[in-house]
C-alpha cells in the first residue's frame, strides 16, 4: 500500500502579521499617490505657463492632455517597482517600450509647441528615473538627469521668449523633480527592507526555538533511553542465574520509563506555559487587531498570578469576545485583592440583539476555575457582557 503525504494546509497569518501587511500595502499606495501627485503638479505648472503665453489654449491643451497620458503611462513602472527586489535579472524591454514611447512622443510634441528644450526632454528623463535600475546605478542616473535638465533650462533662458512668460517656476520644479521621485522611492525601499528584516528575524527566532526544543528532547530522551537499555541488558544477563536481581532491574527499567514520560510531560508543559502578562498582552493585541477599542488595567505583578488556571481562561474568553461580541469596545482587567486574583473581561453588545455565547466554552472555564477553588460570574447587562473570574492566591504555590 503506497502512502502519500498530504499537502500541508496554508498557515493562517496571525492578526499582527495581517496588520503589518496592511500597513506595508497602505504605505505603498501612499508612495504611488505621492509620485503621481508630483507628476500632475509638474504638468499643471507647464500647462499654466503655456496658457500664459497662448491665451487661445491650443498649446495648453496639448501640454495638459498629453501630460495626463504620460502620467498614466508611468503607473505600470510604479507597479513593477513594488516588486523590484523579487524581480528576475535582466530588463524586460518589451514591457517598458510603451511608457518610453509615450514619454518620447509627448516630450517632442510638447517641447515643439511650447518652444522648450527642457520640456522636450523632461518626460523621457523622468521615465528613465522610474526604471528598476540595479543597485548603485540609480543615483548616477539621477545626477545625470538633474545636470541635463539644468543645462536645458539654461538653454531655454537664452531663447527668444517673451519676458512675461513665467518659465522660471516650471523650469526649477523640473530640475528638482528627479530628486523628489527618488526620495519617495527610497522611502519605500527602506520600508520594505525593514519589513523583510522583521520577517527574517521572526523566522530565525522560530527556528532557534525549535532547535532548543529538539536539543532538550534529545538530551532528555537520550539519557533515559540509555539508562533503560543498560537496565534491560543487565536484567537479561541476571535472569538465568539470579531471577530476583533480574526482576529488580526490570522494575528499575519500568521506573526509568515513567521518569522519561514524566520528564517529557514536564518539558512540554514548560514550553506551553506563557507568562500571564504576555497572555494579557496577546489578548489585548488580538482584540485591537480585530478592530475593537480596548481598555486594559493590569497589575504590575501580573506574572505572579496562577497562570495554569488563568491562562486558558484568558484565551477562551478572548476567543468568546471575538466570536460572539459584535461590539466595538472591550475591557480587560486583572487586579490583586487581599486573598485572590480577580480577572474581568467585558465587551459591549448591540442593544436589543440576543447574543448567543458559547456555553460549552464557558462551562469549560467554570470547571477549570472550580478545580482551582475559584469562582466564575457571567452577567449580561443592558449593553455589556461581562465575565469575572476570581482565583485564590493560595493556589500560587502549587504552580
Protein backbone atom coordinates (compact mmCIF):
# COMPACT_ATOMS: atom_id res chain seq x y z
CA UNK A 1 0.00 0.00 0.00
CA UNK A 2 1.55 3.23 -1.05
CA UNK A 3 1.38 6.18 1.24
CA UNK A 4 1.21 9.72 0.00
CA UNK A 5 1.98 12.73 2.09
CA UNK A 6 -0.99 15.00 2.40
CA UNK A 7 -0.27 18.59 1.36
CA UNK A 8 0.01 20.91 4.29
CA UNK A 9 -2.78 23.40 4.69
CA UNK A 10 -1.71 27.02 4.34
CA UNK A 11 -0.93 28.61 7.67
CA UNK A 12 -3.33 31.40 8.58
CA UNK A 13 -1.33 34.56 9.29
CA UNK A 14 -1.60 35.99 12.76
CA UNK A 15 -3.60 39.21 13.37
CA UNK A 16 -0.35 41.09 14.00
CA UNK A 17 1.11 39.86 10.71
CA UNK A 18 -2.06 40.85 8.85
CA UNK A 19 -1.96 44.30 10.43
CA UNK A 20 1.69 44.78 9.40
CA UNK A 21 0.90 43.59 5.90
CA UNK A 22 -1.95 46.09 5.63
CA UNK A 23 0.40 48.82 6.88
CA UNK A 24 3.01 47.99 4.24
CA UNK A 25 0.37 47.94 1.49
CA UNK A 26 -1.07 51.27 2.64
CA UNK A 27 2.41 52.83 2.66
CA UNK A 28 2.97 51.62 -0.88
CA UNK A 29 -0.21 53.28 -2.11
CA UNK A 30 0.77 56.48 -0.29
CA UNK A 31 4.07 56.36 -2.20
CA UNK A 32 2.37 55.80 -5.57
CA UNK A 33 -0.14 58.56 -4.86
CA UNK A 34 2.64 60.97 -3.92
CA UNK A 35 4.62 60.25 -7.12
CA UNK A 36 1.56 60.70 -9.34
CA UNK A 37 0.62 63.89 -7.48
CA UNK A 38 4.15 65.24 -8.10
CA UNK A 39 3.81 64.43 -11.80
CA UNK A 40 0.39 66.06 -12.09
CA UNK A 41 1.66 69.16 -10.29
CA UNK A 42 4.56 69.38 -12.75
CA UNK A 43 2.20 69.03 -15.74
CA UNK A 44 -0.12 71.66 -14.24
CA UNK A 45 2.82 74.02 -13.85
CA UNK A 46 3.85 73.66 -17.50
CA UNK A 47 0.20 73.90 -18.64
CA UNK A 48 -0.36 77.18 -16.78
CA UNK A 49 2.89 78.52 -18.19
CA UNK A 50 1.73 77.59 -21.69
CA UNK A 51 -1.66 79.22 -21.17
CA UNK A 52 0.07 82.41 -20.05
CA UNK A 53 1.74 82.58 -23.46
CA UNK A 54 -1.12 81.21 -25.57
CA UNK A 55 -4.49 82.58 -24.49
CA UNK A 56 -6.32 80.57 -27.16
CA UNK A 57 -5.43 77.44 -25.19
CA UNK A 58 -4.17 75.16 -28.00
CA UNK A 59 -0.68 74.85 -26.56
CA UNK A 60 -2.02 74.44 -23.03
CA UNK A 61 -4.41 71.72 -24.23
CA UNK A 62 -1.57 69.80 -25.87
CA UNK A 63 0.64 70.08 -22.79
CA UNK A 64 -2.15 69.25 -20.32
CA UNK A 65 -3.83 66.32 -22.09
CA UNK A 66 -0.53 64.87 -23.25
CA UNK A 67 0.86 65.22 -19.73
CA UNK A 68 -2.05 63.24 -18.26
CA UNK A 69 -1.41 60.47 -20.80
CA UNK A 70 2.26 60.46 -19.86
CA UNK A 71 1.42 60.25 -16.13
CA UNK A 72 -0.85 57.30 -16.88
CA UNK A 73 1.93 55.52 -18.77
CA UNK A 74 4.19 55.68 -15.68
CA UNK A 75 1.74 53.70 -13.49
CA UNK A 76 2.93 50.28 -14.80
CA UNK A 77 6.51 51.31 -13.97
CA UNK A 78 5.48 52.11 -10.40
CA UNK A 79 3.64 48.79 -10.07
CA UNK A 80 6.74 46.95 -11.28
CA UNK A 81 8.87 48.88 -8.82
CA UNK A 82 6.89 47.48 -5.87
CA UNK A 83 8.29 44.01 -6.58
CA UNK A 84 11.74 45.12 -7.69
CA UNK A 85 13.51 43.00 -5.03
CA UNK A 86 11.74 39.87 -6.33
CA UNK A 87 12.22 40.70 -9.99
CA UNK A 88 14.16 38.34 -12.20
CA UNK A 89 17.54 39.52 -13.52
CA UNK A 90 17.53 41.35 -16.80
CA UNK A 91 15.41 44.14 -18.25
CA UNK A 92 12.02 43.40 -19.80
CA UNK A 93 12.30 45.96 -22.57
CA UNK A 94 9.04 44.93 -24.25
CA UNK A 95 7.10 45.87 -21.10
CA UNK A 96 8.98 49.19 -20.89
CA UNK A 97 8.61 50.03 -24.58
CA UNK A 98 5.16 51.63 -24.33
CA UNK A 99 5.94 54.02 -21.40
CA UNK A 100 9.21 55.07 -23.05
CA UNK A 101 7.46 55.61 -26.40
CA UNK A 102 4.68 57.70 -24.80
CA UNK A 103 7.27 59.80 -22.93
CA UNK A 104 9.30 60.36 -26.11
CA UNK A 105 6.31 61.38 -28.25
CA UNK A 106 4.82 63.63 -25.59
CA UNK A 107 8.15 65.31 -24.93
CA UNK A 108 8.82 66.04 -28.59
CA UNK A 109 5.32 67.39 -29.29
CA UNK A 110 5.07 69.45 -26.10
CA UNK A 111 8.63 70.78 -26.46
CA UNK A 112 7.98 71.91 -30.04
CA UNK A 113 4.67 73.68 -29.36
CA UNK A 114 5.98 75.38 -26.20
CA UNK A 115 9.46 76.02 -27.56
CA UNK A 116 11.32 74.49 -24.61
CA UNK A 117 14.22 72.06 -24.76
CA UNK A 118 13.72 71.22 -21.12
CA UNK A 119 10.07 70.21 -21.62
CA UNK A 120 11.04 68.17 -24.69
CA UNK A 121 13.45 66.00 -22.71
CA UNK A 122 11.71 66.04 -19.31
CA UNK A 123 9.16 63.15 -19.82
CA UNK A 124 11.75 60.72 -21.14
CA UNK A 125 14.27 61.62 -18.43
CA UNK A 126 11.75 61.18 -15.61
CA UNK A 127 10.51 57.89 -17.08
CA UNK A 128 14.08 56.61 -17.09
CA UNK A 129 14.43 57.59 -13.43
CA UNK A 130 11.45 55.37 -12.57
CA UNK A 131 13.00 52.27 -14.12
CA UNK A 132 14.23 49.44 -11.91
CA UNK A 133 17.94 50.18 -12.06
CA UNK A 134 20.50 47.91 -10.37
CA UNK A 135 21.92 48.90 -7.00
CA UNK A 136 24.36 51.79 -7.29
CA UNK A 137 23.16 52.91 -10.73
CA UNK A 138 20.05 54.91 -9.79
CA UNK A 139 21.91 57.77 -8.10
CA UNK A 140 24.13 58.14 -11.19
CA UNK A 141 21.02 58.33 -13.38
CA UNK A 142 19.50 60.97 -11.08
CA UNK A 143 22.67 63.09 -11.08
CA UNK A 144 22.96 62.88 -14.86
CA UNK A 145 19.27 63.72 -15.32
CA UNK A 146 19.48 66.71 -12.96
CA UNK A 147 22.55 68.11 -14.72
CA UNK A 148 20.92 67.63 -18.12
CA UNK A 149 17.73 69.41 -17.03
CA UNK A 150 19.75 72.30 -15.57
CA UNK A 151 21.67 72.74 -18.83
CA UNK A 152 18.48 72.56 -20.88
CA UNK A 153 16.85 75.12 -18.55
CA UNK A 154 19.79 77.46 -19.16
CA UNK A 155 19.43 76.87 -22.91
CA UNK A 156 15.72 77.75 -22.69
CA UNK A 157 16.55 81.03 -20.94
CA UNK A 158 18.71 82.07 -23.89
CA UNK A 159 15.89 81.59 -26.38
CA UNK A 160 13.80 84.46 -27.73
CA UNK A 161 10.93 84.09 -25.27
CA UNK A 162 8.58 86.81 -24.15
CA UNK A 163 9.59 88.45 -20.91
CA UNK A 164 6.18 87.92 -19.34
CA UNK A 165 6.35 84.14 -19.90
CA UNK A 166 6.96 82.65 -16.41
CA UNK A 167 9.31 79.83 -17.45
CA UNK A 168 11.23 80.03 -14.17
CA UNK A 169 8.69 78.18 -11.99
CA UNK A 170 8.26 75.00 -14.11
CA UNK A 171 11.95 75.04 -15.02
CA UNK A 172 13.05 74.96 -11.38
CA UNK A 173 10.38 72.37 -10.49
CA UNK A 174 11.56 70.18 -13.37
CA UNK A 175 15.18 70.36 -12.22
CA UNK A 176 14.33 69.15 -8.71
CA UNK A 177 11.77 66.57 -9.83
CA UNK A 178 14.17 63.60 -10.26
CA UNK A 179 15.37 64.04 -6.67
CA UNK A 180 11.77 64.20 -5.44
CA UNK A 181 10.89 60.98 -7.26
CA UNK A 182 13.91 59.09 -5.96
CA UNK A 183 13.27 60.31 -2.41
CA UNK A 184 9.77 58.80 -2.47
CA UNK A 185 11.02 55.53 -3.93
CA UNK A 186 13.93 55.42 -1.46
CA UNK A 187 11.48 55.67 1.44
CA UNK A 188 9.59 52.68 0.05
CA UNK A 189 12.85 50.73 -0.32
CA UNK A 190 13.71 51.42 3.32
CA UNK A 191 10.26 50.30 4.48
CA UNK A 192 10.26 47.04 2.51
CA UNK A 193 13.80 46.27 3.67
CA UNK A 194 12.79 46.75 7.31
CA UNK A 195 9.68 44.62 6.82
CA UNK A 196 11.73 41.78 5.32
CA UNK A 197 14.26 42.07 8.12
CA UNK A 198 11.41 41.78 10.64
CA UNK A 199 10.06 38.68 8.89
CA UNK A 200 13.54 37.14 8.74
CA UNK A 201 14.07 37.84 12.43
CA UNK A 202 10.73 36.17 13.26
CA UNK A 203 11.64 33.09 11.21
CA UNK A 204 15.07 32.96 12.84
CA UNK A 205 13.55 33.18 16.31
CA UNK A 206 11.13 30.35 15.48
CA UNK A 207 13.99 28.24 14.11
CA UNK A 208 16.09 28.82 17.21
CA UNK A 209 13.14 27.90 19.43
CA UNK A 210 12.57 24.66 17.51
CA UNK A 211 16.28 23.86 17.77
CA UNK A 212 16.21 24.46 21.51
CA UNK A 213 13.17 22.19 21.91
CA UNK A 214 14.81 19.49 19.79
CA UNK A 215 18.01 19.73 21.84
CA UNK A 216 16.14 19.43 25.15
CA UNK A 217 14.11 16.48 23.92
CA UNK A 218 17.24 14.77 22.60
CA UNK A 219 19.10 15.24 25.86
CA UNK A 220 16.18 14.10 27.98
CA UNK A 221 15.20 11.06 25.93
CA UNK A 222 18.77 10.11 25.10
CA UNK A 223 19.69 9.93 28.78
CA UNK A 224 16.65 7.91 29.82
CA UNK A 225 16.82 5.53 26.86
CA UNK A 226 20.49 4.83 27.54
CA UNK A 227 19.71 4.04 31.17
CA UNK A 228 16.77 1.82 30.20
CA UNK A 229 18.90 -0.03 27.66
CA UNK A 230 21.60 -0.75 30.28
CA UNK A 231 18.99 -1.91 32.83
CA UNK A 232 17.34 -4.24 30.33
CA UNK A 233 20.70 -5.63 29.25
CA UNK A 234 21.64 -6.27 32.87
CA UNK A 235 18.25 -7.90 33.54
CA UNK A 236 18.76 -10.15 30.52
CA UNK A 237 22.10 -11.36 31.97
CA UNK A 238 20.82 -11.81 35.52
CA UNK A 239 17.52 -13.58 34.87
CA UNK A 240 19.06 -17.02 34.06
CA UNK A 241 21.27 -17.05 37.19
CA UNK A 242 19.60 -14.66 39.63
CA UNK A 243 15.91 -14.13 38.83
CA UNK A 244 15.32 -11.84 41.79
CA UNK A 245 18.10 -9.47 40.76
CA UNK A 246 16.90 -9.60 37.13
CA UNK A 247 13.36 -8.72 38.18
CA UNK A 248 14.76 -5.84 40.23
CA UNK A 249 16.43 -4.46 37.10
CA UNK A 250 13.17 -4.83 35.16
CA UNK A 251 11.33 -2.89 37.83
CA UNK A 252 14.07 -0.23 37.71
CA UNK A 253 13.68 -0.03 33.92
CA UNK A 254 9.93 0.48 34.37
CA UNK A 255 10.65 3.30 36.81
CA UNK A 256 13.03 4.83 34.27
CA UNK A 257 10.28 4.67 31.63
CA UNK A 258 7.91 6.51 33.98
CA UNK A 259 10.60 9.11 34.68
CA UNK A 260 11.18 9.60 30.96
CA UNK A 261 7.46 10.01 30.36
CA UNK A 262 7.10 12.47 33.23
CA UNK A 263 10.17 14.38 32.10
CA UNK A 264 8.73 14.70 28.58
CA UNK A 265 5.42 15.88 30.02
CA UNK A 266 7.17 18.47 32.20
CA UNK A 267 9.22 19.65 29.22
CA UNK A 268 6.08 20.10 27.10
CA UNK A 269 4.35 21.95 29.92
CA UNK A 270 7.31 24.28 30.31
CA UNK A 271 7.27 25.22 26.63
CA UNK A 272 3.50 25.59 26.51
CA UNK A 273 3.35 27.86 29.52
CA UNK A 274 3.33 31.58 28.80
CA UNK A 275 3.75 34.29 31.47
CA UNK A 276 0.38 35.72 32.37
CA UNK A 277 1.50 39.23 31.47
CA UNK A 278 2.23 38.01 27.95
CA UNK A 279 -1.14 36.25 27.79
CA UNK A 280 -2.90 39.51 28.64
CA UNK A 281 -0.77 41.49 26.19
CA UNK A 282 -1.57 38.96 23.45
CA UNK A 283 -5.29 39.19 24.27
CA UNK A 284 -5.18 42.98 24.12
CA UNK A 285 -3.29 42.96 20.80
CA UNK A 286 -5.66 40.39 19.33
CA UNK A 287 -8.75 42.41 20.25
CA UNK A 288 -7.14 45.60 18.94
CA UNK A 289 -6.22 43.90 15.66
CA UNK A 290 -9.85 42.80 15.33
CA UNK A 291 -10.89 46.48 15.34
CA UNK A 292 -12.06 46.84 18.94
CA UNK A 293 -11.18 49.77 21.18
CA UNK A 294 -9.55 48.03 24.16
CA UNK A 295 -9.23 49.41 27.68
CA UNK A 296 -6.92 47.45 29.98
CA UNK A 297 -5.98 47.66 33.65
CA UNK A 298 -3.34 45.10 34.62
CA UNK A 299 -1.37 44.95 37.86
CA UNK A 300 2.38 45.25 37.56
CA UNK A 301 2.95 41.85 39.22
CA UNK A 302 0.53 40.01 36.93
CA UNK A 303 3.16 37.35 36.21
CA UNK A 304 2.84 36.13 39.80
CA UNK A 305 -0.84 35.21 39.26
CA UNK A 306 -1.70 31.50 38.80
CA UNK A 307 -1.04 31.17 35.07
CA UNK A 308 -2.06 27.50 34.95
CA UNK A 309 -5.60 28.48 35.94
CA UNK A 310 -6.00 31.93 34.40
CA UNK A 311 -4.03 31.44 31.16
CA UNK A 312 -6.57 29.13 29.46
CA UNK A 313 -9.40 31.31 30.84
CA UNK A 314 -7.92 34.42 29.22
CA UNK A 315 -7.57 32.64 25.88
CA UNK A 316 -11.10 31.20 25.98
CA UNK A 317 -12.81 34.45 26.99
CA UNK A 318 -10.87 36.43 24.38
CA UNK A 319 -11.99 33.97 21.71
CA UNK A 320 -15.54 34.30 23.04
CA UNK A 321 -15.44 38.08 22.58
CA UNK A 322 -14.09 37.79 19.03
CA UNK A 323 -16.62 35.15 18.04
CA UNK A 324 -19.78 36.49 19.65
CA UNK A 325 -19.09 40.07 20.73
CA UNK A 326 -20.36 42.11 17.81
CA UNK A 327 -19.49 45.39 19.54
CA UNK A 328 -16.79 48.00 19.20
CA UNK A 329 -15.24 48.13 22.68
CA UNK A 330 -13.73 45.71 25.17
CA UNK A 331 -12.29 45.94 28.67
CA UNK A 332 -9.60 43.78 30.29
CA UNK A 333 -8.63 43.89 33.95
CA UNK A 334 -6.51 41.76 36.28
CA UNK A 335 -6.22 43.01 39.84
CA UNK A 336 -4.96 41.50 43.05
CA UNK A 337 -7.19 41.73 46.09
CA UNK A 338 -6.39 40.77 49.69
CA UNK A 339 -6.55 37.00 49.13
CA UNK A 340 -7.38 36.47 45.45
CA UNK A 341 -6.75 37.46 41.85
CA UNK A 342 -9.73 38.99 40.01
CA UNK A 343 -9.83 38.78 36.21
CA UNK A 344 -12.55 40.62 34.32
CA UNK A 345 -13.28 40.87 30.60
CA UNK A 346 -16.22 42.81 29.20
CA UNK A 347 -17.41 43.77 25.74
CA UNK A 348 -20.25 45.94 24.54
CA UNK A 349 -23.12 44.34 22.67
CA UNK A 350 -25.71 45.80 20.34
CA UNK A 351 -28.80 46.72 22.40
CA UNK A 352 -31.80 44.52 21.73
CA UNK A 353 -29.79 41.81 19.96
CA UNK A 354 -29.70 38.38 21.60
CA UNK A 355 -26.06 37.26 21.52
CA UNK A 356 -25.57 33.51 21.86
CA UNK A 357 -22.29 32.92 23.67
CA UNK A 358 -20.54 29.59 23.55
CA UNK A 359 -21.98 27.71 26.51
CA UNK A 360 -19.51 24.83 26.25
CA UNK A 361 -16.58 27.25 26.35
CA UNK A 362 -17.88 28.98 29.47
CA UNK A 363 -18.63 25.61 31.08
CA UNK A 364 -15.04 24.59 30.45
CA UNK A 365 -13.89 27.82 32.10
CA UNK A 366 -16.18 27.10 35.06
CA UNK A 367 -14.76 23.60 35.57
CA UNK A 368 -11.19 24.83 35.36
CA UNK A 369 -11.83 27.62 37.86
CA UNK A 370 -13.64 25.28 40.26
CA UNK A 371 -10.61 22.97 40.21
CA UNK A 372 -8.53 25.97 41.30
CA UNK A 373 -11.12 26.67 44.06
CA UNK A 374 -12.13 29.90 42.35
CA UNK A 375 -15.43 31.38 41.19
CA UNK A 376 -16.91 32.39 37.85
CA UNK A 377 -19.51 35.11 37.33
CA UNK A 378 -21.19 35.71 33.97
CA UNK A 379 -23.67 38.51 33.56
CA UNK A 380 -25.41 40.32 30.73
CA UNK A 381 -26.14 43.98 31.37
CA UNK A 382 -28.18 46.27 29.16
CA UNK A 383 -25.34 46.93 26.74
CA UNK A 384 -22.43 44.86 28.04
CA UNK A 385 -21.45 41.22 28.50
CA UNK A 386 -19.12 40.64 31.47
CA UNK A 387 -17.14 37.61 32.66
CA UNK A 388 -15.49 37.83 36.09
CA UNK A 389 -13.13 35.12 37.37
CA UNK A 390 -11.70 35.04 40.89
CA UNK A 391 -8.86 32.69 41.84
CA UNK A 392 -7.44 32.50 45.38
CA UNK A 393 -3.80 33.36 45.86
CA UNK A 394 -3.22 30.18 47.86
CA UNK A 395 -3.01 28.27 44.61
CA UNK A 396 0.13 30.10 43.58
CA UNK A 397 2.43 27.77 45.46
CA UNK A 398 1.09 24.79 43.53
CA UNK A 399 2.28 26.24 40.26
